[in-house]
N, C-alpha and C. Protein backbone atom coordinates (compact mmCIF):
# COMPACT_ATOMS: atom_id res chain seq x y z
N MET A 1 190.04 70.58 107.91
CA MET A 1 189.02 70.38 108.87
C MET A 1 187.66 70.22 108.35
N SER A 2 186.99 69.40 108.77
CA SER A 2 185.52 69.15 108.14
C SER A 2 184.59 70.13 108.85
N ALA A 3 183.37 70.21 108.41
CA ALA A 3 182.33 70.91 109.08
C ALA A 3 181.91 70.44 110.46
N PHE A 4 182.31 69.11 110.65
CA PHE A 4 181.83 68.49 111.88
C PHE A 4 182.99 68.38 113.01
N GLY A 5 184.06 69.07 112.63
CA GLY A 5 185.10 69.33 113.61
C GLY A 5 186.28 68.34 113.63
N GLY A 6 186.27 67.37 112.91
CA GLY A 6 187.40 66.51 112.88
C GLY A 6 188.02 66.49 111.46
N ARG A 7 189.12 66.02 111.25
CA ARG A 7 189.79 65.95 109.90
C ARG A 7 189.22 64.88 109.20
N PRO A 8 188.77 64.90 107.90
CA PRO A 8 188.23 63.89 107.25
C PRO A 8 189.41 62.89 107.04
N ARG A 9 189.09 61.63 107.17
CA ARG A 9 190.16 60.60 106.93
C ARG A 9 189.93 59.77 105.68
N LYS A 10 191.01 59.60 104.94
CA LYS A 10 190.89 58.79 103.81
C LYS A 10 190.70 57.36 104.25
N PRO A 11 189.91 56.45 103.42
CA PRO A 11 189.80 55.13 103.81
C PRO A 11 191.00 54.40 104.05
N ASP A 12 191.97 54.60 103.19
CA ASP A 12 193.31 53.96 103.31
C ASP A 12 194.03 54.24 104.67
N THR A 13 193.93 55.46 105.05
CA THR A 13 194.47 56.03 106.29
C THR A 13 193.80 55.28 107.51
N VAL A 14 192.45 55.16 107.50
CA VAL A 14 191.80 54.66 108.62
C VAL A 14 192.10 53.09 108.65
N LEU A 15 192.15 52.39 107.51
CA LEU A 15 192.50 50.88 107.45
C LEU A 15 193.94 50.76 107.81
N HIS A 16 194.80 51.68 107.29
CA HIS A 16 196.23 51.55 107.65
C HIS A 16 196.50 51.64 109.07
N ASP A 17 195.84 52.80 109.77
CA ASP A 17 196.07 52.99 111.14
C ASP A 17 195.39 51.81 112.10
N LEU A 18 194.35 51.31 111.66
CA LEU A 18 193.75 50.11 112.36
C LEU A 18 194.79 48.90 112.22
N HIS A 19 195.19 48.63 111.06
CA HIS A 19 196.14 47.51 110.71
C HIS A 19 197.35 47.75 111.60
N ALA A 20 197.97 48.90 111.61
CA ALA A 20 199.26 49.09 112.26
C ALA A 20 198.98 48.98 113.82
N GLU A 21 197.88 49.37 114.31
CA GLU A 21 197.79 49.35 115.77
C GLU A 21 197.49 47.76 116.09
N LEU A 22 196.67 47.12 115.37
CA LEU A 22 196.64 45.59 115.64
C LEU A 22 198.00 44.90 115.51
N ARG A 23 198.79 45.20 114.57
CA ARG A 23 200.09 44.50 114.49
C ARG A 23 200.94 44.80 115.70
N ARG A 24 200.99 46.27 116.20
CA ARG A 24 201.59 46.42 117.46
C ARG A 24 201.07 45.61 118.57
N ALA A 25 199.80 45.55 118.75
CA ALA A 25 199.30 44.87 119.88
C ALA A 25 199.56 43.37 119.85
N ARG A 26 199.60 42.83 118.57
CA ARG A 26 199.90 41.37 118.33
C ARG A 26 201.35 41.20 118.86
N GLY A 27 202.29 42.13 118.50
CA GLY A 27 203.57 42.14 118.80
C GLY A 27 203.85 42.16 120.24
N ARG A 28 202.95 42.83 121.14
CA ARG A 28 202.95 42.90 122.57
C ARG A 28 202.40 41.77 123.14
N GLY A 29 201.75 40.81 122.39
CA GLY A 29 201.27 39.69 122.96
C GLY A 29 199.87 39.76 123.33
N LEU A 30 199.19 40.82 122.95
CA LEU A 30 197.75 40.89 123.38
C LEU A 30 196.86 40.10 122.55
N GLY A 31 195.75 39.54 123.09
CA GLY A 31 194.85 38.94 122.35
C GLY A 31 193.84 39.81 121.61
N PHE A 32 193.34 39.31 120.56
CA PHE A 32 192.50 40.27 119.78
C PHE A 32 191.46 41.00 120.47
N ASP A 33 190.75 40.24 121.42
CA ASP A 33 189.63 41.02 122.10
C ASP A 33 190.14 42.33 122.84
N ASP A 34 191.43 42.22 123.43
CA ASP A 34 192.05 43.27 124.17
C ASP A 34 192.62 44.26 123.19
N ALA A 35 192.92 43.93 122.05
CA ALA A 35 193.54 44.86 121.00
C ALA A 35 192.53 45.61 120.16
N TRP A 36 191.32 45.05 119.88
CA TRP A 36 190.45 45.67 119.04
C TRP A 36 189.97 47.03 119.42
N GLY A 37 189.48 47.19 120.53
CA GLY A 37 188.83 48.46 121.12
C GLY A 37 189.88 49.68 120.94
N PRO A 38 191.09 49.51 121.55
CA PRO A 38 192.12 50.58 121.60
C PRO A 38 192.60 50.86 120.09
N ALA A 39 192.69 49.69 119.25
CA ALA A 39 193.24 49.99 117.91
C ALA A 39 192.07 50.77 117.03
N MET A 40 190.76 50.53 117.41
CA MET A 40 189.76 51.26 116.74
C MET A 40 189.70 52.68 117.16
N GLU A 41 190.17 53.02 118.41
CA GLU A 41 190.10 54.28 118.88
C GLU A 41 191.18 55.13 118.18
N VAL A 42 192.38 54.50 117.96
CA VAL A 42 193.45 55.15 117.35
C VAL A 42 193.11 55.49 115.94
N ALA A 43 192.55 54.44 115.22
CA ALA A 43 192.22 54.61 113.87
C ALA A 43 191.10 55.67 113.54
N LEU A 44 190.34 55.93 114.46
CA LEU A 44 189.15 56.76 114.11
C LEU A 44 189.21 58.02 114.94
N ARG A 45 190.29 58.22 115.62
CA ARG A 45 190.47 59.33 116.47
C ARG A 45 190.13 60.86 115.81
N SER A 46 190.55 60.91 114.64
CA SER A 46 190.41 62.30 114.17
C SER A 46 189.17 62.44 113.00
N ALA A 47 188.40 61.34 112.98
CA ALA A 47 187.35 61.33 112.00
C ALA A 47 186.15 62.18 112.46
N SER A 48 185.47 62.76 111.58
CA SER A 48 184.32 63.58 112.06
C SER A 48 183.20 62.57 112.59
N ARG A 49 182.46 62.88 113.42
CA ARG A 49 181.47 62.07 114.22
C ARG A 49 180.69 61.18 113.19
N PRO A 50 179.94 61.82 112.02
CA PRO A 50 179.30 61.00 111.11
C PRO A 50 180.09 59.92 110.39
N THR A 51 181.35 60.41 110.12
CA THR A 51 182.19 59.48 109.44
C THR A 51 182.67 58.41 110.33
N ARG A 52 183.00 58.73 111.60
CA ARG A 52 183.49 57.77 112.62
C ARG A 52 182.33 56.73 112.92
N LEU A 53 181.09 57.23 112.88
CA LEU A 53 179.94 56.15 113.11
C LEU A 53 179.97 55.15 111.87
N ASP A 54 180.10 55.71 110.69
CA ASP A 54 180.13 54.86 109.47
C ASP A 54 181.15 53.87 109.55
N TRP A 55 182.43 54.39 109.91
CA TRP A 55 183.52 53.51 110.03
C TRP A 55 183.39 52.47 111.13
N MET A 56 182.81 52.88 112.24
CA MET A 56 182.64 51.89 113.34
C MET A 56 181.78 50.89 112.91
N SER A 57 180.66 51.11 112.21
CA SER A 57 179.69 50.16 111.59
C SER A 57 180.32 49.13 110.58
N ALA A 58 181.00 49.81 109.77
CA ALA A 58 181.76 49.00 108.65
C ALA A 58 182.82 47.99 109.19
N LEU A 59 183.66 48.65 110.14
CA LEU A 59 184.73 47.72 110.75
C LEU A 59 184.17 46.71 111.58
N SER A 60 183.14 46.98 112.41
CA SER A 60 182.47 46.05 113.36
C SER A 60 181.81 44.90 112.45
N ALA A 61 181.36 45.28 111.33
CA ALA A 61 180.84 44.20 110.49
C ALA A 61 181.79 43.18 110.00
N THR A 62 183.06 43.63 109.95
CA THR A 62 184.05 42.87 109.36
C THR A 62 185.13 42.33 110.41
N ARG A 63 184.66 42.62 111.65
CA ARG A 63 185.48 42.18 112.79
C ARG A 63 185.92 40.74 112.82
N ASP A 64 185.10 39.88 112.38
CA ASP A 64 185.50 38.48 112.24
C ASP A 64 186.77 38.20 111.23
N ALA A 65 186.68 39.04 110.35
CA ALA A 65 187.79 38.83 109.25
C ALA A 65 189.12 39.56 109.88
N TRP A 66 188.96 40.59 110.51
CA TRP A 66 190.04 41.22 111.22
C TRP A 66 190.68 40.12 112.35
N ARG A 67 189.74 39.58 112.97
CA ARG A 67 190.19 38.66 113.98
C ARG A 67 191.07 37.45 113.30
N ALA A 68 190.45 36.92 112.16
CA ALA A 68 191.22 35.82 111.49
C ALA A 68 192.62 36.26 111.11
N GLY A 69 192.67 37.41 110.54
CA GLY A 69 193.98 38.04 110.21
C GLY A 69 194.99 38.11 111.39
N TYR A 70 194.28 38.62 112.49
CA TYR A 70 195.09 38.90 113.71
C TYR A 70 195.70 37.62 114.20
N GLU A 71 194.81 36.55 114.07
CA GLU A 71 195.29 35.16 114.59
C GLU A 71 195.80 34.52 113.53
N ARG A 72 196.10 35.00 112.44
CA ARG A 72 196.90 34.35 111.31
C ARG A 72 196.16 33.07 110.84
N ARG A 73 194.84 33.09 110.81
CA ARG A 73 194.12 31.93 110.31
C ARG A 73 193.97 32.17 108.83
N PRO A 74 193.86 31.11 107.97
CA PRO A 74 193.63 31.24 106.51
C PRO A 74 192.29 31.86 106.29
N PRO A 75 192.34 32.59 105.11
CA PRO A 75 190.96 33.18 104.79
C PRO A 75 189.86 32.25 104.36
N THR A 76 188.65 32.53 104.65
CA THR A 76 187.59 31.69 104.15
C THR A 76 187.43 31.56 102.71
N ALA A 77 186.74 30.77 102.11
CA ALA A 77 186.40 30.75 100.71
C ALA A 77 185.81 31.99 100.10
N ILE A 78 184.84 32.51 100.99
CA ILE A 78 184.29 33.76 100.56
C ILE A 78 185.10 34.99 100.57
N ALA A 79 186.11 34.98 101.63
CA ALA A 79 187.05 36.11 101.70
C ALA A 79 188.02 36.02 100.49
N SER A 80 188.47 34.84 100.12
CA SER A 80 189.45 34.60 99.00
C SER A 80 188.70 35.14 97.76
N ALA A 81 187.37 34.71 97.58
CA ALA A 81 186.68 35.06 96.29
C ALA A 81 186.55 36.75 96.15
N ALA A 82 186.26 37.35 97.38
CA ALA A 82 186.10 38.70 97.34
C ALA A 82 187.38 39.43 97.07
N GLU A 83 188.49 38.85 97.62
CA GLU A 83 189.95 39.48 97.27
C GLU A 83 190.08 39.20 95.82
N MET A 84 189.82 38.17 95.26
CA MET A 84 190.04 38.06 93.80
C MET A 84 189.30 38.86 93.07
N LEU A 85 187.94 39.24 93.36
CA LEU A 85 187.29 40.09 92.57
C LEU A 85 187.67 41.59 92.84
N ALA A 86 188.16 41.81 94.07
CA ALA A 86 188.68 43.18 94.29
C ALA A 86 189.94 43.49 93.54
N THR A 87 190.76 42.50 93.25
CA THR A 87 192.04 42.78 92.56
C THR A 87 192.06 42.48 91.08
N ALA A 88 190.89 41.94 90.73
CA ALA A 88 190.66 41.81 89.09
C ALA A 88 190.79 42.96 88.40
N ALA A 89 191.44 42.75 87.23
CA ALA A 89 191.65 44.09 86.31
C ALA A 89 190.59 44.31 85.53
């Protein structure tokens, strides 16, 4: 338990939970706009308030990339380059 009242969440947990909720919503046939808010709530539910606000800002800033993945659109050149850099040894 953090000093702010919620359990601290590891980044991979928040991202995993968001991804899992979006996959479930897509499987139920929901559009991205209907899926995004509820998926964010699930992913952030136990984060401390300061952490939750940071996550909300970070995930909102990447919402277009999440939408592209949800809609199974190919990544942009910038996203491909960022992934290549992130996975470089």
